[in-house]
Amino acid sequence: MSAFHFLGPFWFLALLPAVALWWALRRQSDNARRWRGAIDPALLRHFEVGTPACGGLRPGDTLLAAWLVGVVAVAGPA
């Protein structure tokens, strides 16, 4: 394991915009975020329409995972 290294470790900097994009998409898709300061949380969950109970995988999550695999592949593990 000590001989394992990456040929192009600077490619991991490409993960920064990926995480920023994922975070922005995740934040934008939260419709209840704007109302949290005005409505009691116990009541707010009754006003939400069409929100899944367990979150689940979103397209942005899949994009982030694919981006991560791509960056690791381009970084050249050796």
C-alpha atoms as a PDB file:
ATOM      1  CA  MET A   1       0.000   0.000   0.000  1.00  0.00           C
ATOM      2  CA  SER A   2       2.958   2.340   0.515  1.00  0.00           C
ATOM      3  CA  ALA A   3       3.736   2.257  -3.214  1.00  0.00           C
ATOM      4  CA  PHE A   4       0.201   3.405  -4.118  1.00  0.00           C
ATOM      5  CA  HIS A   5       0.106   6.997  -5.378  1.00  0.00           C
ATOM      6  CA  PHE A   6      -1.579   9.246  -7.939  1.00  0.00           C
ATOM      7  CA  LEU A   7       0.215  10.454 -11.063  1.00  0.00           C
ATOM      8  CA  GLY A   8      -1.796  13.681 -11.260  1.00  0.00           C
ATOM      9  CA  PRO A   9      -2.967  14.573  -7.730  1.00  0.00           C
ATOM     10  CA  PHE A  10      -3.902  18.120  -8.764  1.00  0.00           C
ATOM     11  CA  TRP A  11      -6.905  16.671 -10.590  1.00  0.00           C
ATOM     12  CA  PHE A  12      -8.545  16.337  -7.174  1.00  0.00           C
ATOM     13  CA  LEU A  13      -8.988  20.120  -7.221  1.00  0.00           C
ATOM     14  CA  ALA A  14     -11.708  19.458  -9.810  1.00  0.00           C
ATOM     15  CA  LEU A  15     -13.810  18.124  -6.938  1.00  0.00           C
ATOM     16  CA  LEU A  16     -14.197  21.624  -5.466  1.00  0.00           C
ATOM     17  CA  PRO A  17     -16.564  22.918  -8.188  1.00  0.00           C
ATOM     18  CA  ALA A  18     -18.377  19.572  -8.150  1.00  0.00           C
ATOM     19  CA  VAL A  19     -19.109  19.811  -4.449  1.00  0.00           C
ATOM     20  CA  ALA A  20     -20.080  23.478  -4.796  1.00  0.00           C
ATOM     21  CA  LEU A  21     -22.495  22.642  -7.615  1.00  0.00           C
ATOM     22  CA  TRP A  22     -23.955  19.726  -5.656  1.00  0.00           C
ATOM     23  CA  TRP A  23     -24.423  21.903  -2.582  1.00  0.00           C
ATOM     24  CA  ALA A  24     -26.099  24.663  -4.623  1.00  0.00           C
ATOM     25  CA  LEU A  25     -28.474  22.200  -6.292  1.00  0.00           C
ATOM     26  CA  ARG A  26     -29.293  20.591  -2.951  1.00  0.00           C
ATOM     27  CA  ARG A  27     -29.981  23.977  -1.370  1.00  0.00           C
ATOM     28  CA  GLN A  28     -32.062  25.219  -4.298  1.00  0.00           C
ATOM     29  CA  SER A  29     -34.296  22.147  -4.262  1.00  0.00           C
ATOM     30  CA  ASP A  30     -35.267  22.729  -0.607  1.00  0.00           C
ATOM     31  CA  ASN A  31     -38.587  24.528  -1.009  1.00  0.00           C
ATOM     32  CA  ALA A  32     -39.296  24.760   2.719  1.00  0.00           C
ATOM     33  CA  ARG A  33     -36.035  26.634   3.434  1.00  0.00           C
ATOM     34  CA  ARG A  34     -37.652  30.033   2.893  1.00  0.00           C
ATOM     35  CA  TRP A  35     -40.498  29.308   5.292  1.00  0.00           C
ATOM     36  CA  ARG A  36     -38.509  27.863   8.200  1.00  0.00           C
ATOM     37  CA  GLY A  37     -38.074  31.260   9.834  1.00  0.00           C
ATOM     38  CA  ALA A  38     -41.759  32.168   9.621  1.00  0.00           C
ATOM     39  CA  ILE A  39     -43.640  28.931  10.310  1.00  0.00           C
ATOM     40  CA  ASP A  40     -43.297  26.572  13.254  1.00  0.00           C
ATOM     41  CA  PRO A  41     -41.478  23.355  12.178  1.00  0.00           C
ATOM     42  CA  ALA A  42     -44.285  21.186  13.563  1.00  0.00           C
ATOM     43  CA  LEU A  43     -46.764  22.932  11.264  1.00  0.00           C
ATOM     44  CA  LEU A  44     -44.443  23.309   8.292  1.00  0.00           C
ATOM     45  CA  ARG A  45     -44.238  19.576   7.609  1.00  0.00           C
ATOM     46  CA  HIS A  46     -48.016  19.527   7.098  1.00  0.00           C
ATOM     47  CA  PHE A  47     -47.802  22.252   4.448  1.00  0.00           C
ATOM     48  CA  GLU A  48     -45.122  20.529   2.356  1.00  0.00           C
ATOM     49  CA  VAL A  49     -46.456  18.893  -0.773  1.00  0.00           C
ATOM     50  CA  GLY A  50     -44.695  16.189  -2.729  1.00  0.00           C
ATOM     51  CA  THR A  51     -41.611  15.882  -0.536  1.00  0.00           C
ATOM     52  CA  PRO A  52     -40.341  12.336  -0.060  1.00  0.00           C
ATOM     53  CA  ALA A  53     -40.015  11.128   3.502  1.00  0.00           C
ATOM     54  CA  CYS A  54     -36.524   9.683   3.159  1.00  0.00           C
ATOM     55  CA  GLY A  55     -34.807  12.091   0.765  1.00  0.00           C
ATOM     56  CA  GLY A  56     -33.487   9.396  -1.554  1.00  0.00           C
ATOM     57  CA  LEU A  57     -30.992   9.772  -4.367  1.00  0.00           C
ATOM     58  CA  ARG A  58     -31.373  12.824  -6.527  1.00  0.00           C
ATOM     59  CA  PRO A  59     -29.840  13.379  -9.962  1.00  0.00           C
ATOM     60  CA  GLY A  60     -27.320  15.751  -8.382  1.00  0.00           C
ATOM     61  CA  ASP A  61     -26.117  12.976  -6.074  1.00  0.00           C
ATOM     62  CA  THR A  62     -25.548  10.682  -9.034  1.00  0.00           C
ATOM     63  CA  LEU A  63     -23.728  13.449 -10.892  1.00  0.00           C
ATOM     64  CA  LEU A  64     -21.431  14.028  -7.911  1.00  0.00           C
ATOM     65  CA  ALA A  65     -20.641  10.298  -7.649  1.00  0.00           C
ATOM     66  CA  ALA A  66     -19.872  10.088 -11.368  1.00  0.00           C
ATOM     67  CA  TRP A  67     -17.701  13.211 -11.144  1.00  0.00           C
ATOM     68  CA  LEU A  68     -15.799  11.683  -8.219  1.00  0.00           C
ATOM     69  CA  VAL A  69     -15.161   8.438 -10.125  1.00  0.00           C
ATOM     70  CA  GLY A  70     -14.065  10.424 -13.164  1.00  0.00           C
ATOM     71  CA  VAL A  71     -11.636  12.574 -11.170  1.00  0.00           C
ATOM     72  CA  VAL A  72     -10.100   9.528  -9.507  1.00  0.00           C
ATOM     73  CA  ALA A  73      -9.692   7.887 -12.922  1.00  0.00           C
ATOM     74  CA  VAL A  74      -8.086  10.979 -14.461  1.00  0.00           C
ATOM     75  CA  ALA A  75      -5.780  11.444 -11.463  1.00  0.00           C
ATOM     76  CA  GLY A  76      -4.102   8.193 -12.476  1.00  0.00           C
ATOM     77  CA  PRO A  77      -3.853   5.834  -9.538  1.00  0.00           C
ATOM     78  CA  ALA A  78      -0.680   3.785  -9.786  1.00  0.00           C
END
